[in-house]
Each structure stands twice: as C-alpha cells, then as structure tokens.
N, C-alpha and C. Protein backbone atom coordinates (compact mmCIF):
# COMPACT_ATOMS: atom_id res chain seq x y z
N MET A 1 -126.71 80.12 12.71
CA MET A 1 -126.73 80.31 11.33
C MET A 1 -126.13 81.88 11.43
N ILE A 2 -125.12 81.18 11.07
CA ILE A 2 -124.85 83.13 10.15
C ILE A 2 -124.95 83.86 9.52
N ASP A 3 -125.42 85.09 10.15
CA ASP A 3 -125.13 86.24 9.53
C ASP A 3 -124.53 86.11 7.86
N ARG A 4 -126.08 86.52 6.62
CA ARG A 4 -124.87 86.12 6.04
C ARG A 4 -124.25 87.47 5.07
N ARG A 5 -125.01 88.60 5.38
CA ARG A 5 -123.47 89.75 5.44
C ARG A 5 -122.62 89.55 5.98
N THR A 6 -122.41 88.77 6.96
CA THR A 6 -121.34 88.72 7.42
C THR A 6 -119.84 87.87 6.84
N ILE A 7 -121.25 86.94 6.23
CA ILE A 7 -120.50 85.59 5.45
C ILE A 7 -119.63 86.25 3.60
N LYS A 8 -120.61 87.08 3.64
CA LYS A 8 -120.51 87.79 2.30
C LYS A 8 -119.19 87.80 3.09
N PHE A 9 -119.05 89.81 3.27
CA PHE A 9 -117.98 89.94 3.82
C PHE A 9 -116.83 89.19 3.91
N PHE A 10 -116.55 88.37 4.66
CA PHE A 10 -114.70 87.52 4.74
C PHE A 10 -115.07 86.11 3.00
N GLN A 11 -115.81 86.46 2.48
CA GLN A 11 -115.56 86.17 1.44
C GLN A 11 -114.51 86.76 0.28
N GLU A 12 -114.80 87.89 0.81
CA GLU A 12 -115.19 89.43 -0.60
C GLU A 12 -113.53 89.69 -0.14
N LEU A 13 -112.87 88.66 1.50
CA LEU A 13 -111.59 88.84 1.57
C LEU A 13 -109.88 88.18 1.92
N PRO A 14 -109.60 88.68 1.20
CA PRO A 14 -108.52 88.12 1.10
C PRO A 14 -107.83 87.42 2.52
N LYS A 15 -106.99 86.80 2.58
CA LYS A 15 -106.68 85.83 3.81
C LYS A 15 -105.58 86.71 4.03
N LEU A 16 -104.62 86.99 4.54
CA LEU A 16 -103.11 86.98 5.46
C LEU A 16 -102.67 86.49 6.96
N GLU A 17 -101.44 85.97 6.23
CA GLU A 17 -100.40 85.59 7.04
C GLU A 17 -100.70 85.70 8.34
N GLN A 18 -100.23 87.23 8.79
CA GLN A 18 -100.86 87.91 9.31
C GLN A 18 -100.99 89.38 9.54
N SER A 19 -101.00 89.94 10.91
CA SER A 19 -102.21 91.23 11.39
C SER A 19 -102.05 92.12 10.71
N ASN A 20 -102.52 92.88 9.13
CA ASN A 20 -101.82 94.19 8.47
C ASN A 20 -102.03 95.59 10.36
N ASN A 21 -101.08 96.00 10.20
CA ASN A 21 -100.40 96.83 11.70
C ASN A 21 -101.35 98.02 11.15
N ASN A 22 -102.07 98.73 9.84
CA ASN A 22 -103.18 99.31 9.73
C ASN A 22 -103.99 98.90 10.30
N PHE A 23 -104.62 97.88 10.89
CA PHE A 23 -106.27 97.47 11.68
C PHE A 23 -105.85 96.17 12.77
N PHE A 24 -104.63 95.89 12.89
CA PHE A 24 -104.25 95.03 14.35
C PHE A 24 -103.21 94.95 14.04
N GLU A 25 -102.14 96.14 15.10
CA GLU A 25 -101.33 96.28 15.56
C GLU A 25 -100.69 95.98 16.56
N GLU A 26 -99.48 94.45 16.44
CA GLU A 26 -98.84 94.70 17.22
C GLU A 26 -98.67 95.40 18.73
N ASP A 27 -99.26 94.96 20.01
CA ASP A 27 -98.60 95.93 20.82
C ASP A 27 -97.63 95.42 22.20
N PHE A 28 -98.33 94.39 22.07
CA PHE A 28 -97.12 93.99 23.34
C PHE A 28 -96.92 92.43 23.57
N ASP A 29 -96.26 91.80 24.15
CA ASP A 29 -96.58 90.49 23.94
C ASP A 29 -96.77 89.37 24.82
N ILE A 30 -96.79 89.45 25.90
CA ILE A 30 -97.56 88.35 27.19
C ILE A 30 -96.86 86.82 27.12
N PRO A 31 -96.51 86.29 28.32
CA PRO A 31 -95.18 85.59 28.04
C PRO A 31 -96.67 84.32 28.31
N LEU A 32 -96.09 83.22 27.29
CA LEU A 32 -97.59 81.79 27.04
C LEU A 32 -97.34 81.15 28.37
N ASP A 33 -96.71 81.69 28.74
CA ASP A 33 -97.68 80.71 30.80
C ASP A 33 -98.24 81.04 30.95
N HIS A 34 -97.77 82.92 30.95
CA HIS A 34 -99.67 83.54 31.23
C HIS A 34 -100.04 83.48 30.79
N VAL A 35 -100.93 83.32 29.29
CA VAL A 35 -101.77 83.57 29.03
C VAL A 35 -102.52 82.23 29.46
N ASN A 36 -101.82 81.24 28.56
CA ASN A 36 -101.98 79.50 29.22
C ASN A 36 -103.10 79.64 30.47
N ALA A 37 -102.72 80.17 31.67
CA ALA A 37 -102.59 81.04 33.24
C ALA A 37 -104.52 81.54 32.96
N LEU A 38 -103.83 82.28 31.84
CA LEU A 38 -105.77 83.13 31.80
C LEU A 38 -106.70 81.93 31.33
N TYR A 39 -106.11 81.63 30.46
CA TYR A 39 -107.11 80.82 29.45
C TYR A 39 -107.56 79.89 30.38
N GLU A 40 -106.70 78.59 31.10
CA GLU A 40 -107.90 78.62 32.05
C GLU A 40 -108.32 78.62 33.10
N LEU A 41 -107.66 79.99 33.69
CA LEU A 41 -109.11 80.86 35.08
C LEU A 41 -110.59 81.39 33.99
N ALA A 42 -109.94 81.15 32.89
CA ALA A 42 -111.07 82.13 31.84
C ALA A 42 -112.51 80.47 31.84
N LYS A 43 -111.88 79.03 31.62
CA LYS A 43 -112.52 78.86 31.22
C LYS A 43 -113.46 78.09 33.01
N THR A 44 -113.61 78.70 34.10
CA THR A 44 -113.67 78.51 35.39
C THR A 44 -115.20 79.41 35.07
N ILE A 45 -114.72 81.30 34.47
CA ILE A 45 -115.94 82.10 35.49
C ILE A 45 -117.48 81.86 33.62
N THR A 46 -118.18 81.96 35.04
CA THR A 46 -119.41 81.43 33.80
C THR A 46 -119.56 83.41 32.45
N ILE A 47 -119.26 82.19 31.62
CA ILE A 47 -119.68 84.27 30.70
C ILE A 47 -121.32 83.62 30.19
N PRO A 48 -121.80 84.50 30.66
CA PRO A 48 -123.49 84.53 29.70
C PRO A 48 -123.48 85.56 28.28
N PRO A 49 -124.61 84.97 27.83
CA PRO A 49 -124.65 85.38 26.19
C PRO A 49 -125.14 87.07 26.14
N ARG A 50 -124.09 87.32 25.55
CA ARG A 50 -124.11 89.24 24.01
C ARG A 50 -125.72 87.97 24.29
N ASP A 51 -126.48 89.94 25.07
CA ASP A 51 -128.42 89.60 24.11
C ASP A 51 -127.54 91.47 23.72
N MET A 52 -127.40 91.18 21.99
CA MET A 52 -127.47 92.39 21.75
C MET A 52 -128.23 92.44 20.03
N PRO A 53 -130.01 93.13 20.25
CA PRO A 53 -130.79 92.79 19.28
C PRO A 53 -130.18 93.74 17.70
N GLY A 54 -130.62 92.76 16.33
CA GLY A 54 -129.97 93.11 15.57
C GLY A 54 -130.25 94.31 14.67
N TYR A 55 -129.02 95.27 14.01
CA TYR A 55 -129.26 95.81 13.97
C TYR A 55 -130.31 96.72 12.78
N SER A 56 -130.77 96.69 11.97
CA SER A 56 -132.02 97.27 11.33
C SER A 56 -131.29 97.19 9.51
N TRP A 57 -129.90 96.32 9.78
CA TRP A 57 -129.47 96.47 8.10
C TRP A 57 -129.09 95.15 7.99
N TYR A 58 -129.57 94.50 9.36
CA TYR A 58 -128.65 92.72 9.29
C TYR A 58 -129.88 92.54 8.69
N TYR A 59 -129.66 91.09 7.91
CA TYR A 59 -130.16 90.35 8.15
C TYR A 59 -131.29 89.16 8.44
N ASP A 60 -129.90 88.99 9.44
CA ASP A 60 -130.05 87.99 10.76
C ASP A 60 -129.71 88.95 12.11
N SER A 61 -129.34 87.81 13.00
CA SER A 61 -128.74 89.14 14.15
C SER A 61 -127.60 89.01 13.83
N TYR A 62 -127.45 90.44 15.21
CA TYR A 62 -126.28 91.18 14.69
C TYR A 62 -125.28 89.55 15.02
N SER A 63 -124.87 89.40 16.20
CA SER A 63 -124.72 88.64 16.72
C SER A 63 -124.86 87.08 17.01
N ASN A 64 -124.69 86.56 17.64
CA ASN A 64 -124.34 84.30 17.82
C ASN A 64 -123.65 84.58 18.56
N GLY A 65 -123.62 83.19 19.17
CA GLY A 65 -122.82 82.38 19.88
C GLY A 65 -121.94 83.31 20.57
N LEU A 66 -121.93 85.15 20.85
CA LEU A 66 -121.28 85.79 21.50
C LEU A 66 -121.23 85.39 23.17
N ASN A 67 -120.61 85.33 23.85
CA ASN A 67 -120.95 85.80 24.80
C ASN A 67 -119.80 87.04 25.31
N SER A 68 -120.00 87.52 27.18
CA SER A 68 -119.62 88.83 27.24
C SER A 68 -119.39 88.73 28.59
N ILE A 69 -118.05 89.29 29.48
CA ILE A 69 -118.51 89.66 30.60
C ILE A 69 -117.69 90.80 30.90
N ASP A 70 -117.95 92.25 31.99
CA ASP A 70 -117.34 92.89 31.80
C ASP A 70 -116.99 92.49 34.25
N LEU A 71 -115.22 92.28 33.20
CA LEU A 71 -114.52 91.78 34.34
C LEU A 71 -113.27 93.48 35.71
N TYR A 72 -113.89 94.28 34.38
CA TYR A 72 -113.97 95.14 34.81
C TYR A 72 -114.17 96.64 34.70
N ASN A 73 -114.98 97.14 35.11
CA ASN A 73 -115.74 98.32 34.41
C ASN A 73 -115.87 99.85 35.66
N PRO A 74 -114.76 101.06 35.37
CA PRO A 74 -115.68 102.17 36.29
C PRO A 74 -116.27 102.44 36.39
N GLY A 75 -117.69 102.03 34.73
CA GLY A 75 -119.77 102.28 35.13
C GLY A 75 -119.19 103.12 34.20
N GLN A 76 -118.43 103.90 33.43
CA GLN A 76 -118.17 104.21 31.63
C GLN A 76 -118.49 103.45 31.07
N PRO A 77 -119.82 103.87 30.01
CA PRO A 77 -119.64 103.20 28.84
C PRO A 77 -118.75 103.38 28.15
N VAL A 78 -118.37 102.66 27.46
CA VAL A 78 -116.64 102.91 27.27
C VAL A 78 -117.27 103.15 24.96
N HIS A 79 -118.34 102.60 25.25
CA HIS A 79 -118.67 102.45 23.66
C HIS A 79 -120.55 103.25 23.68
N ASP A 80 -120.73 103.63 24.16
CA ASP A 80 -121.70 104.72 24.63
C ASP A 80 -122.94 104.76 23.51
N HIS A 81 -122.37 105.29 22.16
CA HIS A 81 -123.42 105.60 21.55
C HIS A 81 -123.94 103.58 21.36
N GLN A 82 -124.11 102.91 21.48
CA GLN A 82 -124.45 101.11 21.69
C GLN A 82 -124.89 101.39 22.91
N HIS A 83 -125.02 102.42 24.58
CA HIS A 83 -125.72 102.29 25.18
C HIS A 83 -126.35 102.46 24.39
N ARG A 84 -126.60 104.01 23.87
CA ARG A 84 -128.08 104.51 24.03
C ARG A 84 -128.37 103.45 22.72
N ILE A 85 -128.77 103.23 22.55
CA ILE A 85 -129.13 102.10 20.93
C ILE A 85 -129.84 100.99 21.53
N PHE A 86 -129.01 100.15 22.52
CA PHE A 86 -129.47 99.47 22.72
C PHE A 86 -130.40 99.47 24.17
N LYS A 87 -130.58 99.83 24.69
CA LYS A 87 -131.06 100.30 25.99
C LYS A 87 -131.97 100.15 25.79
N LYS A 88 -132.93 100.70 25.04
CA LYS A 88 -134.15 100.86 23.88
C LYS A 88 -135.00 100.11 23.88
N ASN A 89 -134.24 98.75 23.29
CA ASN A 89 -134.54 97.31 23.44
C ASN A 89 -135.36 96.68 24.54
N VAL A 90 -136.34 95.64 23.30
CA VAL A 90 -136.78 94.88 24.42
C VAL A 90 -135.41 93.64 24.51
N SER A 91 -135.86 92.79 25.65
CA SER A 91 -134.11 91.84 25.02
C SER A 91 -135.17 90.24 24.90
N SER A 92 -134.26 89.90 24.04
CA SER A 92 -134.42 88.63 23.31
C SER A 92 -133.92 87.54 24.04
N SER A 93 -133.46 87.82 24.43
CA SER A 93 -132.71 86.87 25.39
C SER A 93 -133.45 86.74 26.69
N SER A 94 -134.23 84.92 26.83
CA SER A 94 -134.84 84.73 28.46
C SER A 94 -133.17 84.80 29.47
N ASP A 95 -132.50 84.41 29.29
CA ASP A 95 -131.69 84.41 30.32
C ASP A 95 -130.99 85.59 31.40
N PRO A 96 -131.82 85.68 32.53
CA PRO A 96 -131.92 86.23 33.71
C PRO A 96 -129.57 87.25 33.50
N MET A 97 -129.17 86.69 33.40
CA MET A 97 -127.38 87.04 32.96
C MET A 97 -127.53 87.61 32.21
N ALA A 98 -128.70 87.69 30.81
CA ALA A 98 -127.50 87.58 29.98
C ALA A 98 -126.62 89.62 29.68
N TYR A 99 -125.39 89.36 29.14
CA TYR A 99 -124.63 90.77 28.75
C TYR A 99 -125.75 91.52 28.03
N ARG A 100 -126.25 92.89 28.65
CA ARG A 100 -126.80 93.27 27.77
C ARG A 100 -126.25 95.06 28.08
N TYR A 101 -126.76 96.15 26.96
CA TYR A 101 -126.52 97.27 26.75
C TYR A 101 -127.47 98.42 27.34
N ASN A 102 -127.75 97.73 28.99
CA ASN A 102 -128.84 98.87 29.69
C ASN A 102 -128.34 98.66 31.37
N ASP A 103 -129.40 99.38 32.17
CA ASP A 103 -129.23 100.53 33.38
C ASP A 103 -129.15 99.11 34.21
N SER A 104 -129.75 98.39 34.04
CA SER A 104 -129.66 96.88 34.96
C SER A 104 -129.37 96.02 35.57
N THR A 105 -128.57 95.90 34.69
CA THR A 105 -127.61 94.81 34.08
C THR A 105 -126.21 94.68 33.85
N ASN A 106 -125.70 93.73 34.50
CA ASN A 106 -124.14 93.80 34.13
C ASN A 106 -123.42 93.78 33.07
N SER A 107 -123.69 95.19 32.18
CA SER A 107 -122.71 95.77 31.55
C SER A 107 -121.87 96.49 31.32
N ASN A 108 -121.68 97.42 30.06
CA ASN A 108 -121.12 98.59 29.94
C ASN A 108 -121.26 100.03 31.35
N ALA A 109 -122.21 99.52 31.16
CA ALA A 109 -123.12 100.80 32.02
C ALA A 109 -123.36 100.89 32.84
N ILE A 110 -122.37 99.69 33.72
CA ILE A 110 -122.50 99.19 35.39
C ILE A 110 -120.74 99.31 35.93
N GLN A 111 -120.88 99.71 37.16
CA GLN A 111 -118.95 99.41 37.66
C GLN A 111 -118.91 98.54 38.65
N VAL A 112 -118.07 97.60 37.50
CA VAL A 112 -117.74 96.43 38.34
C VAL A 112 -116.31 96.83 38.37
N PRO A 113 -116.24 96.50 39.69
CA PRO A 113 -115.19 96.57 40.63
C PRO A 113 -114.22 94.88 40.49
N TRP A 114 -112.72 96.10 40.65
CA TRP A 114 -111.90 94.57 39.98
C TRP A 114 -111.67 92.95 41.50
N ASP A 115 -112.50 92.28 40.66
CA ASP A 115 -112.06 90.36 41.79
C ASP A 115 -110.79 90.22 42.61
N SER A 116 -110.94 89.88 42.98
CA SER A 116 -109.07 89.24 43.76
C SER A 116 -109.07 88.11 42.53
N LYS A 117 -110.12 87.22 42.52
CA LYS A 117 -110.14 85.85 41.61
C LYS A 117 -109.24 85.73 40.53
N TYR A 118 -109.67 87.62 39.81
CA TYR A 118 -108.75 88.12 38.62
C TYR A 118 -107.85 88.72 39.01
N LYS A 119 -107.06 88.13 39.29
CA LYS A 119 -106.30 89.29 39.36
C LYS A 119 -104.71 88.97 39.09
N LEU A 120 -104.76 87.42 38.09
CA LEU A 120 -104.19 87.63 36.24
C LEU A 120 -104.29 88.26 35.76
N PHE A 121 -105.97 88.57 35.03
CA PHE A 121 -106.41 89.10 34.24
C PHE A 121 -105.69 91.00 34.43
N GLU A 122 -105.95 91.59 35.56
CA GLU A 122 -105.42 92.75 36.63
C GLU A 122 -104.54 92.97 36.31
N ASP A 123 -103.31 91.75 36.26
CA ASP A 123 -101.86 92.72 36.08
C ASP A 123 -101.40 92.39 34.86
N ILE A 124 -102.26 91.75 33.61
CA ILE A 124 -102.44 92.35 32.15
C ILE A 124 -100.73 93.72 32.10
N ALA A 125 -101.93 94.96 33.18
CA ALA A 125 -101.80 96.52 32.42
C ALA A 125 -100.26 96.64 33.40
N ASN A 126 -100.33 95.07 34.26
CA ASN A 126 -98.46 95.84 34.79
C ASN A 126 -97.63 95.50 33.75
N ILE A 127 -98.36 94.54 32.85
CA ILE A 127 -97.07 94.12 31.90
C ILE A 127 -95.70 95.78 31.24
N VAL A 128 -96.79 96.23 30.68
CA VAL A 128 -96.86 97.68 29.91
C VAL A 128 -96.70 99.03 31.40
N GLY A 129 -96.73 98.64 31.99
CA GLY A 129 -96.87 100.02 32.80
C GLY A 129 -98.39 100.71 33.04
N ARG A 130 -98.76 99.93 31.92
CA ARG A 130 -100.89 100.80 31.97
C ARG A 130 -101.19 100.54 32.67
N LYS A 131 -103.09 101.11 32.75
CA LYS A 131 -103.72 101.27 33.35
C LYS A 131 -105.39 100.42 32.63
N TRP A 132 -106.10 100.07 33.06
CA TRP A 132 -107.35 99.93 32.65
C TRP A 132 -108.41 100.81 32.87
N ARG A 133 -108.95 100.92 31.60
CA ARG A 133 -110.19 101.82 31.09
C ARG A 133 -111.46 100.06 31.36
N TRP A 134 -111.14 99.71 30.74
CA TRP A 134 -112.67 99.00 30.81
C TRP A 134 -111.76 97.12 30.73
N CYS A 135 -112.05 96.33 30.86
CA CYS A 135 -111.72 95.20 30.26
C CYS A 135 -112.37 94.16 30.77
N GLN A 136 -113.32 93.95 28.86
CA GLN A 136 -114.30 92.54 29.25
C GLN A 136 -113.50 90.94 28.21
N LEU A 137 -114.24 90.07 28.86
CA LEU A 137 -113.79 89.00 28.93
C LEU A 137 -114.81 89.01 27.70
N ILE A 138 -114.30 87.48 26.49
CA ILE A 138 -115.26 87.06 25.59
C ILE A 138 -114.99 86.69 24.67
N LYS A 139 -116.33 85.12 24.85
CA LYS A 139 -116.08 84.23 24.14
C LYS A 139 -117.06 83.82 23.43
N THR A 140 -116.38 82.91 22.05
CA THR A 140 -117.25 83.29 21.00
C THR A 140 -117.49 81.45 20.03
N ASP A 141 -117.39 80.71 20.91
CA ASP A 141 -118.50 79.63 20.83
C ASP A 141 -118.63 79.19 19.64
N PRO A 142 -118.39 78.15 18.36
CA PRO A 142 -117.72 77.48 17.84
C PRO A 142 -119.57 78.42 16.67
N LEU A 143 -119.00 78.08 15.20
CA LEU A 143 -119.99 78.74 14.59
C LEU A 143 -120.38 80.34 15.12
N GLY A 144 -119.86 80.33 16.41
CA GLY A 144 -120.24 81.84 16.35
C GLY A 144 -119.29 83.09 15.56
N TYR A 145 -119.75 84.41 15.92
CA TYR A 145 -119.50 85.53 14.93
C TYR A 145 -119.85 86.96 15.92
N TRP A 146 -119.29 87.50 15.49
CA TRP A 146 -120.46 89.30 15.16
C TRP A 146 -120.14 90.39 14.38
N GLY A 147 -120.75 90.51 13.93
CA GLY A 147 -121.60 91.01 12.42
C GLY A 147 -120.55 92.69 12.47
N VAL A 148 -120.17 93.03 11.28
CA VAL A 148 -119.65 93.88 10.68
C VAL A 148 -119.76 95.24 10.93
N HIS A 149 -119.18 95.82 12.09
CA HIS A 149 -119.24 96.67 12.61
C HIS A 149 -118.23 97.86 12.90
N ARG A 150 -118.44 99.24 12.77
CA ARG A 150 -117.44 100.03 13.64
C ARG A 150 -117.69 100.56 15.03
N ASN A 151 -116.28 101.21 16.16
CA ASN A 151 -116.01 101.46 16.90
C ASN A 151 -117.10 102.32 17.17
N ASN A 152 -118.02 103.12 18.07
CA ASN A 152 -118.35 104.65 17.87
C ASN A 152 -118.13 105.17 19.28
N HIS A 153 -116.96 106.17 20.08
CA HIS A 153 -116.33 105.68 21.27
C HIS A 153 -116.53 107.81 21.59
N PHE A 154 -117.54 108.31 22.39
CA PHE A 154 -116.51 109.56 23.35
C PHE A 154 -116.28 109.45 24.96
N LEU A 155 -114.95 108.07 24.67
CA LEU A 155 -114.43 108.65 25.62
C LEU A 155 -113.46 110.60 25.23
N LYS A 156 -113.33 110.97 27.04
CA LYS A 156 -112.95 112.39 26.45
C LYS A 156 -111.60 112.52 26.96
N ASP A 157 -111.16 113.69 26.47
CA ASP A 157 -109.62 113.66 27.25
C ASP A 157 -108.64 112.72 27.43
N THR A 158 -108.62 111.37 26.73
CA THR A 158 -108.42 110.99 26.49
C THR A 158 -107.90 109.23 25.24
N ASP A 159 -106.75 108.39 24.64
CA ASP A 159 -106.78 108.11 24.02
C ASP A 159 -107.18 107.00 23.12
N TYR A 160 -108.63 106.82 23.17
CA TYR A 160 -109.22 105.40 23.24
C TYR A 160 -108.30 104.55 21.93
N ARG A 161 -108.35 103.31 22.31
CA ARG A 161 -106.83 102.41 22.44
C ARG A 161 -107.28 101.71 22.75
N LEU A 162 -108.60 101.22 21.98
CA LEU A 162 -108.93 98.87 22.38
C LEU A 162 -108.14 97.97 21.72
N THR A 163 -107.98 97.44 23.53
CA THR A 163 -107.19 95.21 22.98
C THR A 163 -107.98 94.83 22.80
N TRP A 164 -107.09 93.82 21.68
CA TRP A 164 -108.21 92.54 22.17
C TRP A 164 -106.34 91.51 22.41
N ILE A 165 -106.57 91.03 23.23
CA ILE A 165 -106.19 89.66 23.52
C ILE A 165 -106.60 88.89 23.30
N PRO A 166 -105.79 87.45 22.09
CA PRO A 166 -106.50 85.74 22.69
C PRO A 166 -105.91 85.81 23.26
N LEU A 167 -106.57 84.38 24.07
CA LEU A 167 -106.23 83.83 25.49
C LEU A 167 -105.80 81.79 24.76
N ASN A 168 -106.56 82.14 24.13
CA ASN A 168 -106.61 80.00 22.68
C ASN A 168 -105.84 80.56 21.83
N TYR A 169 -105.78 78.94 21.62
CA TYR A 169 -105.71 78.84 19.87
C TYR A 169 -107.33 78.48 19.59
N VAL A 170 -107.68 78.79 18.46
CA VAL A 170 -108.99 77.87 18.10
C VAL A 170 -108.32 77.58 16.48
N LYS A 171 -107.69 77.08 15.48
CA LYS A 171 -108.48 77.22 14.90
C LYS A 171 -109.21 77.60 13.98
N ASN A 172 -109.39 78.07 12.61
CA ASN A 172 -110.00 79.09 12.07
C ASN A 172 -110.52 79.75 13.18
N ARG A 173 -111.27 80.73 13.25
CA ARG A 173 -111.11 81.14 13.88
C ARG A 173 -110.24 82.74 13.35
N PHE A 174 -110.35 83.56 13.11
CA PHE A 174 -110.28 85.32 11.95
C PHE A 174 -111.20 85.96 12.26
N VAL A 175 -110.87 86.89 12.31
CA VAL A 175 -111.14 88.89 13.14
C VAL A 175 -110.50 89.28 11.34
N GLY A 176 -111.77 90.08 10.95
CA GLY A 176 -111.42 90.33 9.56
C GLY A 176 -111.60 92.37 9.20
N GLY A 177 -111.09 92.88 9.15
CA GLY A 177 -111.20 94.44 8.74
C GLY A 177 -111.35 94.87 6.69
N GLU A 178 -112.31 95.97 7.22
CA GLU A 178 -113.04 96.15 5.53
C GLU A 178 -111.69 96.94 4.49
N ASP A 179 -111.64 96.03 3.41
CA ASP A 179 -110.34 96.94 2.25
C ASP A 179 -109.08 96.31 3.07
N VAL A 180 -108.64 95.12 3.93
CA VAL A 180 -107.54 94.34 4.45
C VAL A 180 -106.97 93.48 4.00
N GLY A 181 -108.35 92.51 5.46
CA GLY A 181 -107.93 91.09 4.75
C GLY A 181 -108.43 90.42 5.94
N TYR A 182 -107.89 89.06 7.04
CA TYR A 182 -108.82 88.83 7.68
C TYR A 182 -107.60 88.08 8.08
N PHE A 183 -107.24 87.29 9.57
CA PHE A 183 -106.70 86.95 9.85
C PHE A 183 -106.57 85.98 11.43
N GLU A 184 -105.99 85.38 11.79
CA GLU A 184 -105.86 84.24 12.80
C GLU A 184 -105.19 85.35 13.78
N PRO A 185 -105.97 85.51 15.22
CA PRO A 185 -104.69 85.84 15.70
C PRO A 185 -103.28 85.47 16.70
N LYS A 186 -102.20 85.57 17.05
CA LYS A 186 -101.34 84.91 17.64
C LYS A 186 -101.66 84.83 19.11
N LEU A 187 -101.75 84.29 20.10
CA LEU A 187 -101.24 84.02 20.95
C LEU A 187 -100.27 84.07 20.96
N GLY A 188 -99.83 84.77 23.26
CA GLY A 188 -98.89 85.40 23.15
C GLY A 188 -98.49 87.09 22.25
N LYS A 189 -99.72 87.23 22.34
CA LYS A 189 -99.70 88.80 21.33
C LYS A 189 -100.79 89.71 22.08
N SER A 190 -100.75 90.82 21.86
CA SER A 190 -101.59 91.80 22.16
C SER A 190 -102.08 92.68 21.19
N TYR A 191 -103.05 92.84 21.08
CA TYR A 191 -102.57 93.63 19.40
C TYR A 191 -104.05 95.59 19.38
N ILE A 192 -103.77 96.48 19.25
CA ILE A 192 -104.89 97.36 19.20
C ILE A 192 -105.22 97.73 18.11
N LEU A 193 -106.87 97.48 17.89
CA LEU A 193 -107.34 96.89 17.35
C LEU A 193 -108.57 98.61 16.37
N HIS A 194 -107.48 98.49 15.28
CA HIS A 194 -108.75 99.73 14.97
C HIS A 194 -110.05 99.98 14.11
N GLY A 195 -111.02 99.75 14.78
CA GLY A 195 -112.30 99.15 15.16
C GLY A 195 -112.45 100.10 14.61
N GLU A 196 -112.29 101.64 15.11
CA GLU A 196 -112.62 102.68 14.91
C GLU A 196 -112.12 103.54 13.51
N ILE A 197 -111.87 103.13 12.76
CA ILE A 197 -110.67 102.97 11.36
C ILE A 197 -111.83 102.36 10.66
N TYR A 198 -111.79 101.21 10.74
CA TYR A 198 -112.28 100.57 9.88
C TYR A 198 -113.31 99.47 10.47
N ASN A 199 -114.13 98.91 9.48
CA ASN A 199 -115.10 98.06 9.41
C ASN A 199 -115.43 97.34 9.71
N TYR A 200 -115.63 95.97 10.60
CA TYR A 200 -113.73 95.00 10.54
C TYR A 200 -115.40 94.14 11.73
N GLY A 201 -115.25 92.58 11.55
CA GLY A 201 -115.67 91.68 12.32
C GLY A 201 -115.22 90.48 12.14
N GLY A 202 -116.23 88.50 12.46
CA GLY A 202 -115.05 88.06 13.13
C GLY A 202 -115.86 86.49 13.64
N ILE A 203 -115.40 85.66 13.42
CA ILE A 203 -116.16 84.81 12.91
C ILE A 203 -115.72 83.11 13.68
N ASN A 204 -116.09 82.13 14.16
CA ASN A 204 -115.57 81.01 15.36
C ASN A 204 -115.62 80.07 13.93
N LEU A 205 -115.40 79.45 13.69
CA LEU A 205 -115.79 78.13 12.18
C LEU A 205 -114.99 77.16 13.10
N GLY A 206 -113.77 77.08 13.72
CA GLY A 206 -113.59 76.03 14.80
C GLY A 206 -114.58 75.34 16.01
N THR A 207 -114.20 73.85 16.33
CA THR A 207 -115.15 73.56 16.87
C THR A 207 -114.64 73.62 18.48
N LYS A 208 -114.14 74.43 18.79
CA LYS A 208 -113.97 74.75 20.22
C LYS A 208 -114.07 76.29 20.75
N PRO A 209 -114.62 77.12 21.92
CA PRO A 209 -114.63 78.28 22.44
C PRO A 209 -113.52 79.26 21.90
N MET A 210 -113.94 80.26 21.53
CA MET A 210 -112.46 80.68 21.26
C MET A 210 -112.67 81.51 22.27
N TYR A 211 -111.53 82.27 23.37
CA TYR A 211 -111.50 82.60 24.76
C TYR A 211 -110.69 84.26 23.66
N ASN A 212 -111.11 85.42 24.34
CA ASN A 212 -109.87 86.80 24.29
C ASN A 212 -110.50 87.53 24.60
N ILE A 213 -109.97 89.01 24.86
CA ILE A 213 -110.12 89.69 26.58
C ILE A 213 -110.03 90.81 25.54
N SER A 214 -111.62 91.98 25.73
CA SER A 214 -110.51 93.23 24.78
C SER A 214 -111.41 93.90 25.88
N ALA A 215 -110.67 94.61 25.79
CA ALA A 215 -110.52 95.77 26.84
C ALA A 215 -110.14 97.65 26.50
N VAL A 216 -109.38 97.87 27.17
CA VAL A 216 -109.21 99.57 27.16
C VAL A 216 -107.77 99.82 28.64
N LEU A 217 -107.21 99.79 27.80
CA LEU A 217 -106.10 99.89 27.91
C LEU A 217 -105.26 102.24 27.87
N LEU A 218 -104.73 102.01 29.32
CA LEU A 218 -104.52 104.18 29.15
C LEU A 218 -103.35 103.79 29.76
N ASP A 219 -102.45 104.95 29.21
CA ASP A 219 -101.13 105.22 29.50
C ASP A 219 -101.66 105.78 31.55
N SER A 220 -99.84 104.97 32.11
CA SER A 220 -100.74 105.21 33.57
C SER A 220 -99.71 106.39 33.45
C-alpha cells in the first residue's frame, strides 16, 4: 500500500512534460546503447530490499517496494543524517541482505570498491571526465514508492550534486518536487536532483520495475 502522504503529495502537483530545471536539472547525455547495456546488466544483479523504518510523521512506511545496493562507496556516508537516524532502529526486515543504514551491513556506511563486473557503470563518469563519490543501483517495484523527504548531506569541502540516471522506461513512473510538479525522467539523460533544496518523492505506477542510478559525481 502506498503511503497516504505520498499519494496526496502527487495529487496536488501539476504534471510536467519535462523536468523543471529548478528541481531536476539535465546534466549530460548518455548514448542509448550504453543505457540499454546498463539496464541489461542491472537486471542480472541481486538488489536487496531497502530496510528504512518509517519517520514519525508518515502514516505508513517511508518506502515500499524499494530495493538498492551500493556499487561503489568509499566508506563515508553521503547522507549522514539518515545513517545516524536509522542505525538506531531495529530492523523490520527478515532479509539478511537488506540494505540498511547501519554499520554491520552493505549500506552507505560500508566501503564497497568497484567490482570488475560493474565496469559499465564505472565508465559513466568517463563520459564527462568526473569521478565517483558514491554510486547506488535502485530498483523500484510496481506500486513501489519512496516518500516525500529532503536530502541533508554533510560532505565537507566538496559540492554536493546528486546524480539521477534512469536505466529503463516504465510508463507512469514519476518523480515529483514540491511546488514544482512531477514528470517522467527520460532515457539517455543524466539529471542533477536538487533534493537538498526541494522536498521530493517518487512513485512507480507502472507494471514493471524501474531501475535507476543514484549517485554523487565530483569534478575530477
């Protein structure tokens, strides 16, 4: 069941034909053959459920049908406030591989070097001459969602720039920003998601899983 607050959030937003650059800023293009190869590779990866206890202001869970795995992480949390909040909660998932915000699992507090089998993902940074700060693969199941929130980050001496890269097209999967609107991200585009400025959420009303990369890329 989709959280009522998330449903209400999207119902009150206008639908946009394309992203509003104040929220979802187009950054660079990725050749579609490369995107398709990334998607085919993504489907072969076991992506564990994301175990995130609900914030106190959510009627239901913060998310549902949300799965994620870090493909690369230097070992320093990007969203440190979430790490500090959620690591104190008891796990609600029985899956031992669930992605959690704590020190004992493959989460955003654990160092994850690039695996050679994920080189296609690693090569994305070469397109624009940047370097990875963090790279996560996300799968949102049909009727999956993540609730309305804002990113708080604690990266020191660097620009925080959350990159969003859709890997497949699913009709009626949307990302929405408060006071902006919601839209369907386009294939072949890499976006900068200004989630540190706007409250935002995502929802997959389609009939198949939605895959995307969520990452931080830094200028080399």
